[in-house]
Structures are given as C-alpha cells and as structure tokens.
Amino acid sequence: MPGLIHIYCGEGKGKTTAAIGLAVRCAGSGRKVLILQFLKDGKSSEFAALSHVPGIEAVPQTKTFGFTWTLTPEEKQAAAAYYTSLLEDAFCRAGDFDLLILDDLGSELTTQFTQSALYELVNTRLVGEKHTVISSNLSMEEAARRYAPQIASRLDGEYHVLHFFGDDIRLLRKNRL
C-alpha cells in the first residue's frame, strides 16, 4: 500500500494541531512517529503532551536565528548548517518510523545543502511507501520557487495537498483578548 502523504497549507489554520492528531492516532495503533519541527522550540504545550505518548519522538528546533534578511553571512552559514543537519538526521532516522511529520517546513533557511537533504528525505519516503505529513505556510507555487524543481515535482505530483481555510486562529484569539 502506498504511503499516506499530505501537505497541510495555510497560516494560522491548525496545521500543527492536525498533524499532531494524526501522530497520536498513529502511535495509538502501535506505530512509531517522528516529528521534526523547524520553527517551534519544544516549550509548547503540544511538546509537553507528546512526551507522554509512547511511540512519538518530537524533535524541536533548539537554535533560533532570526529573520534571514537580518542575518550576517556567518549567521546564515550557521543557520544553513543547522537546518541541513536537522534534515540529514531525519533522513538517517526516518526509515525507522512509520510516520514522519515535517512541521513548519519553509521556515528554515534554504540552501543547496538543505534542498539536497530535503530531496533525499522526500524521495526516500516516497520510494519506501512511508507515511509523511508536511505542514507549511508556503503555497505549492512558493514551494516550487523556494526548492529545487525535483522537490517541487514530487510534492506537487505525489503528495495530497490539504488547504486549511478560514481566518487565522492566532489573530482571532488576539482580537478577543
């Protein structure tokens, strides 16, 4: 059976919540889940809850770099190396997991190295028919511009894109306070 592959798109629509719900269901049926987060630092309530669920391993971003346009060339190099190492680590370990979730893909500093690591990861998951979920604020058109054509082709041609519609829940929450 081919792997279930989704991309969740839209800002402030509950993409991470949906992905975590799928992770909990997967772990609840005895499968192993790896969650790689590119934006969150691991201090959120979702990480606290996931730490108690057997079968789920969540890897937060442990370093922050700020906005790319504010970074010096040295900081950009350090950020690129960090994000590449996250993707390479996921590539090395992802085969051991039934479900891989790449949360907030597109928030990382993208270089040829991160593109190469992402391509290998996505391609290996597809060929191995492994379940994968990608959440991102990038539209498919933005992803095609940001990543190599081979990655965009696989994402657009092989993944089932789920667009989350409605108002940004963070802005709604803020306006109610």
C-alpha atoms as a PDB file:
ATOM      1  CA  MET A   1       0.000   0.000   0.000  1.00  0.00           C
ATOM      2  CA  PRO A   2       1.458   3.400  -0.907  1.00  0.00           C
ATOM      3  CA  GLY A   3       2.329   5.715   1.950  1.00  0.00           C
ATOM      4  CA  LEU A   4      -0.145   8.353   3.003  1.00  0.00           C
ATOM      5  CA  ILE A   5       1.425  11.677   2.144  1.00  0.00           C
ATOM      6  CA  HIS A   6      -0.195  15.007   2.993  1.00  0.00           C
ATOM      7  CA  ILE A   7       0.837  18.628   2.853  1.00  0.00           C
ATOM      8  CA  TYR A   8      -1.073  20.986   5.135  1.00  0.00           C
ATOM      9  CA  CYS A   9      -1.068  24.637   3.954  1.00  0.00           C
ATOM     10  CA  GLY A  10      -2.347  27.928   5.354  1.00  0.00           C
ATOM     11  CA  GLU A  11      -1.316  30.416   8.027  1.00  0.00           C
ATOM     12  CA  GLY A  12      -2.805  30.051  11.498  1.00  0.00           C
ATOM     13  CA  LYS A  13      -5.248  27.339  10.478  1.00  0.00           C
ATOM     14  CA  GLY A  14      -4.311  24.485  12.835  1.00  0.00           C
ATOM     15  CA  LYS A  15      -1.839  22.587  10.649  1.00  0.00           C
ATOM     16  CA  THR A  16       0.355  21.524  13.543  1.00  0.00           C
ATOM     17  CA  THR A  17      -2.692  20.526  15.591  1.00  0.00           C
ATOM     18  CA  ALA A  18      -3.979  18.363  12.728  1.00  0.00           C
ATOM     19  CA  ALA A  19      -0.568  16.754  12.234  1.00  0.00           C
ATOM     20  CA  ILE A  20      -0.241  16.024  15.950  1.00  0.00           C
ATOM     21  CA  GLY A  21      -3.711  14.492  15.996  1.00  0.00           C
ATOM     22  CA  LEU A  22      -2.643  12.165  13.205  1.00  0.00           C
ATOM     23  CA  ALA A  23       0.567  11.370  15.120  1.00  0.00           C
ATOM     24  CA  VAL A  24      -1.378  10.420  18.243  1.00  0.00           C
ATOM     25  CA  ARG A  25      -3.716   8.190  16.236  1.00  0.00           C
ATOM     26  CA  CYS A  26      -0.742   6.525  14.563  1.00  0.00           C
ATOM     27  CA  ALA A  27       1.064   5.955  17.869  1.00  0.00           C
ATOM     28  CA  GLY A  28      -2.177   4.714  19.418  1.00  0.00           C
ATOM     29  CA  SER A  29      -2.230   1.912  16.870  1.00  0.00           C
ATOM     30  CA  GLY A  30       1.281   0.811  17.833  1.00  0.00           C
ATOM     31  CA  ARG A  31       3.249   2.652  15.182  1.00  0.00           C
ATOM     32  CA  LYS A  32       6.300   4.878  15.580  1.00  0.00           C
ATOM     33  CA  VAL A  33       6.193   8.601  14.767  1.00  0.00           C
ATOM     34  CA  LEU A  34       8.991  11.114  14.258  1.00  0.00           C
ATOM     35  CA  ILE A  35       8.057  14.807  14.360  1.00  0.00           C
ATOM     36  CA  LEU A  36      10.638  17.295  13.166  1.00  0.00           C
ATOM     37  CA  GLN A  37       9.740  20.906  13.899  1.00  0.00           C
ATOM     38  CA  PHE A  38      11.502  23.721  12.092  1.00  0.00           C
ATOM     39  CA  LEU A  39      10.056  26.696  13.941  1.00  0.00           C
ATOM     40  CA  LYS A  40       8.989  25.720  17.425  1.00  0.00           C
ATOM     41  CA  ASP A  41      11.434  25.461  20.305  1.00  0.00           C
ATOM     42  CA  GLY A  42       9.937  22.494  22.158  1.00  0.00           C
ATOM     43  CA  LYS A  43       8.496  24.579  25.003  1.00  0.00           C
ATOM     44  CA  SER A  44       4.901  24.443  23.786  1.00  0.00           C
ATOM     45  CA  SER A  45       2.075  22.537  25.434  1.00  0.00           C
ATOM     46  CA  GLU A  46       1.981  20.146  22.481  1.00  0.00           C
ATOM     47  CA  PHE A  47       5.546  19.016  23.223  1.00  0.00           C
ATOM     48  CA  ALA A  48       4.686  18.509  26.893  1.00  0.00           C
ATOM     49  CA  ALA A  49       1.769  16.282  25.915  1.00  0.00           C
ATOM     50  CA  LEU A  50       3.689  14.373  23.245  1.00  0.00           C
ATOM     51  CA  SER A  51       6.434  13.493  25.696  1.00  0.00           C
ATOM     52  CA  HIS A  52       3.898  11.239  27.444  1.00  0.00           C
ATOM     53  CA  VAL A  53       2.784   9.370  24.331  1.00  0.00           C
ATOM     54  CA  PRO A  54       4.709   6.138  23.715  1.00  0.00           C
ATOM     55  CA  GLY A  55       5.835   5.781  20.125  1.00  0.00           C
ATOM     56  CA  ILE A  56       6.190   9.507  19.372  1.00  0.00           C
ATOM     57  CA  GLU A  57       9.527  11.244  19.209  1.00  0.00           C
ATOM     58  CA  ALA A  58       9.347  15.005  18.682  1.00  0.00           C
ATOM     59  CA  VAL A  59      12.492  16.909  17.734  1.00  0.00           C
ATOM     60  CA  PRO A  60      12.195  20.661  18.306  1.00  0.00           C
ATOM     61  CA  GLN A  61      14.313  23.391  16.850  1.00  0.00           C
ATOM     62  CA  THR A  62      16.941  24.048  19.513  1.00  0.00           C
ATOM     63  CA  LYS A  63      18.519  27.084  17.879  1.00  0.00           C
ATOM     64  CA  THR A  64      16.963  30.275  16.593  1.00  0.00           C
ATOM     65  CA  PHE A  65      18.499  32.595  14.058  1.00  0.00           C
ATOM     66  CA  GLY A  66      16.027  35.407  13.435  1.00  0.00           C
ATOM     67  CA  PHE A  67      14.809  36.616  10.077  1.00  0.00           C
ATOM     68  CA  THR A  68      17.064  35.753   7.151  1.00  0.00           C
ATOM     69  CA  TRP A  69      17.311  39.351   5.980  1.00  0.00           C
ATOM     70  CA  THR A  70      18.783  40.368   9.354  1.00  0.00           C
ATOM     71  CA  LEU A  71      21.495  37.692   9.411  1.00  0.00           C
ATOM     72  CA  THR A  72      25.149  38.257   8.676  1.00  0.00           C
ATOM     73  CA  PRO A  73      26.808  35.912   6.162  1.00  0.00           C
ATOM     74  CA  GLU A  74      28.322  33.973   9.080  1.00  0.00           C
ATOM     75  CA  GLU A  75      24.931  33.632  10.789  1.00  0.00           C
ATOM     76  CA  LYS A  76      23.354  32.487   7.518  1.00  0.00           C
ATOM     77  CA  GLN A  77      26.079  29.869   7.158  1.00  0.00           C
ATOM     78  CA  ALA A  78      25.481  28.649  10.725  1.00  0.00           C
ATOM     79  CA  ALA A  79      21.717  28.537  10.155  1.00  0.00           C
ATOM     80  CA  ALA A  80      22.129  26.631   6.894  1.00  0.00           C
ATOM     81  CA  ALA A  81      24.422  24.110   8.563  1.00  0.00           C
ATOM     82  CA  TYR A  82      21.952  23.668  11.432  1.00  0.00           C
ATOM     83  CA  TYR A  83      18.917  23.109   9.186  1.00  0.00           C
ATOM     84  CA  THR A  84      20.872  20.783   6.925  1.00  0.00           C
ATOM     85  CA  SER A  85      21.893  18.728   9.972  1.00  0.00           C
ATOM     86  CA  LEU A  86      18.235  18.503  11.080  1.00  0.00           C
ATOM     87  CA  LEU A  87      17.193  17.185   7.682  1.00  0.00           C
ATOM     88  CA  GLU A  88      20.151  14.807   7.446  1.00  0.00           C
ATOM     89  CA  ASP A  89      19.390  13.467  10.929  1.00  0.00           C
ATOM     90  CA  ALA A  90      15.767  12.958   9.912  1.00  0.00           C
ATOM     91  CA  PHE A  91      16.920  11.205   6.729  1.00  0.00           C
ATOM     92  CA  CYS A  92      19.149   8.842   8.713  1.00  0.00           C
ATOM     93  CA  ARG A  93      16.450   8.027  11.248  1.00  0.00           C
ATOM     94  CA  ALA A  94      13.188   8.339   9.304  1.00  0.00           C
ATOM     95  CA  GLY A  95      13.301   4.791   7.959  1.00  0.00           C
ATOM     96  CA  ASP A  96      12.722   3.519  11.499  1.00  0.00           C
ATOM     97  CA  PHE A  97       9.439   5.431  11.787  1.00  0.00           C
ATOM     98  CA  ASP A  98       6.049   4.628  10.293  1.00  0.00           C
ATOM     99  CA  LEU A  99       5.078   8.303  10.119  1.00  0.00           C
ATOM    100  CA  LEU A 100       7.328  11.314   9.599  1.00  0.00           C
ATOM    101  CA  ILE A 101       5.968  14.805  10.215  1.00  0.00           C
ATOM    102  CA  LEU A 102       7.921  17.813   8.937  1.00  0.00           C
ATOM    103  CA  ASP A 103       6.253  20.692  10.784  1.00  0.00           C
ATOM    104  CA  ASP A 104       6.618  24.268   9.507  1.00  0.00           C
ATOM    105  CA  LEU A 105       8.753  23.329   6.524  1.00  0.00           C
ATOM    106  CA  GLY A 106       9.718  26.506   4.741  1.00  0.00           C
ATOM    107  CA  SER A 107      10.627  28.389   7.911  1.00  0.00           C
ATOM    108  CA  GLU A 108      14.199  27.087   7.637  1.00  0.00           C
ATOM    109  CA  LEU A 109      16.971  28.886   5.801  1.00  0.00           C
ATOM    110  CA  THR A 110      17.029  27.188   2.419  1.00  0.00           C
ATOM    111  CA  THR A 111      20.333  26.478   0.690  1.00  0.00           C
ATOM    112  CA  GLN A 112      21.536  23.940  -1.869  1.00  0.00           C
ATOM    113  CA  PHE A 113      22.502  21.712   1.066  1.00  0.00           C
ATOM    114  CA  THR A 114      19.061  21.851   2.710  1.00  0.00           C
ATOM    115  CA  GLN A 115      17.445  21.312  -0.704  1.00  0.00           C
ATOM    116  CA  SER A 116      19.602  18.241  -1.288  1.00  0.00           C
ATOM    117  CA  ALA A 117      18.821  16.818   2.165  1.00  0.00           C
ATOM    118  CA  LEU A 118      15.096  17.507   1.723  1.00  0.00           C
ATOM    119  CA  TYR A 119      15.090  15.901  -1.727  1.00  0.00           C
ATOM    120  CA  GLU A 120      16.736  12.743  -0.380  1.00  0.00           C
ATOM    121  CA  LEU A 121      14.314  12.607   2.532  1.00  0.00           C
ATOM    122  CA  VAL A 122      11.174  13.139   0.436  1.00  0.00           C
ATOM    123  CA  ASN A 123      12.315  10.774  -2.315  1.00  0.00           C
ATOM    124  CA  THR A 124      13.295   8.012   0.125  1.00  0.00           C
ATOM    125  CA  ARG A 125       9.936   8.244   1.897  1.00  0.00           C
ATOM    126  CA  LEU A 126       8.087   8.068  -1.428  1.00  0.00           C
ATOM    127  CA  VAL A 127      10.084   5.115  -2.749  1.00  0.00           C
ATOM    128  CA  GLY A 128       9.769   3.311   0.590  1.00  0.00           C
ATOM    129  CA  GLU A 129       5.998   3.985   0.657  1.00  0.00           C
ATOM    130  CA  LYS A 130       6.330   5.528   4.115  1.00  0.00           C
ATOM    131  CA  HIS A 131       3.692   7.839   5.562  1.00  0.00           C
ATOM    132  CA  THR A 132       4.692  11.509   5.608  1.00  0.00           C
ATOM    133  CA  VAL A 133       2.996  14.763   6.596  1.00  0.00           C
ATOM    134  CA  ILE A 134       4.402  18.188   5.770  1.00  0.00           C
ATOM    135  CA  SER A 135       2.936  21.356   7.242  1.00  0.00           C
ATOM    136  CA  SER A 136       3.966  24.674   5.766  1.00  0.00           C
ATOM    137  CA  ASN A 137       2.846  28.258   5.310  1.00  0.00           C
ATOM    138  CA  LEU A 138       4.169  28.032   1.747  1.00  0.00           C
ATOM    139  CA  SER A 139       1.741  27.571  -1.106  1.00  0.00           C
ATOM    140  CA  MET A 140       2.689  24.984  -3.712  1.00  0.00           C
ATOM    141  CA  GLU A 141       3.754  27.827  -6.007  1.00  0.00           C
ATOM    142  CA  GLU A 142       6.003  29.286  -3.282  1.00  0.00           C
ATOM    143  CA  ALA A 143       7.454  25.848  -2.552  1.00  0.00           C
ATOM    144  CA  ALA A 144       8.243  25.409  -6.241  1.00  0.00           C
ATOM    145  CA  ARG A 145      10.133  28.716  -6.264  1.00  0.00           C
ATOM    146  CA  ARG A 146      11.938  28.025  -2.990  1.00  0.00           C
ATOM    147  CA  TYR A 147      13.026  24.430  -3.535  1.00  0.00           C
ATOM    148  CA  ALA A 148      14.613  22.579  -6.452  1.00  0.00           C
ATOM    149  CA  PRO A 149      12.320  21.603  -9.350  1.00  0.00           C
ATOM    150  CA  GLN A 150      12.730  17.920  -8.452  1.00  0.00           C
ATOM    151  CA  ILE A 151      11.376  18.552  -4.947  1.00  0.00           C
ATOM    152  CA  ALA A 152       8.501  20.688  -6.190  1.00  0.00           C
ATOM    153  CA  SER A 153       7.625  17.996  -8.737  1.00  0.00           C
ATOM    154  CA  ARG A 154       7.458  15.318  -6.067  1.00  0.00           C
ATOM    155  CA  LEU A 155       5.492  17.491  -3.669  1.00  0.00           C
ATOM    156  CA  ASP A 156       3.002  18.568  -6.315  1.00  0.00           C
ATOM    157  CA  GLY A 157       2.749  15.217  -8.097  1.00  0.00           C
ATOM    158  CA  GLU A 158       2.882  12.732  -5.246  1.00  0.00           C
ATOM    159  CA  TYR A 159       1.514  14.479  -2.174  1.00  0.00           C
ATOM    160  CA  HIS A 160      -2.126  15.127  -1.352  1.00  0.00           C
ATOM    161  CA  VAL A 161      -2.344  18.835  -0.560  1.00  0.00           C
ATOM    162  CA  LEU A 162      -4.900  19.824   2.069  1.00  0.00           C
ATOM    163  CA  HIS A 163      -5.568  23.557   2.158  1.00  0.00           C
ATOM    164  CA  PHE A 164      -6.780  24.808   5.504  1.00  0.00           C
ATOM    165  CA  PHE A 165      -9.238  27.686   5.018  1.00  0.00           C
ATOM    166  CA  GLY A 166     -10.710  30.283   7.322  1.00  0.00           C
ATOM    167  CA  ASP A 167      -9.465  33.078   9.499  1.00  0.00           C
ATOM    168  CA  ASP A 168      -6.075  32.959  11.192  1.00  0.00           C
ATOM    169  CA  ILE A 169      -6.871  31.458  14.626  1.00  0.00           C
ATOM    170  CA  ARG A 170      -3.997  33.299  16.290  1.00  0.00           C
ATOM    171  CA  LEU A 171      -5.329  36.651  15.088  1.00  0.00           C
ATOM    172  CA  LEU A 172      -8.865  35.747  16.148  1.00  0.00           C
ATOM    173  CA  ARG A 173      -7.598  34.807  19.597  1.00  0.00           C
ATOM    174  CA  LYS A 174      -5.604  38.035  19.878  1.00  0.00           C
ATOM    175  CA  ASN A 175      -8.581  40.193  18.856  1.00  0.00           C
ATOM    176  CA  ARG A 176     -10.760  38.558  21.527  1.00  0.00           C
ATOM    177  CA  LEU A 177      -8.378  39.495  24.333  1.00  0.00           C
END
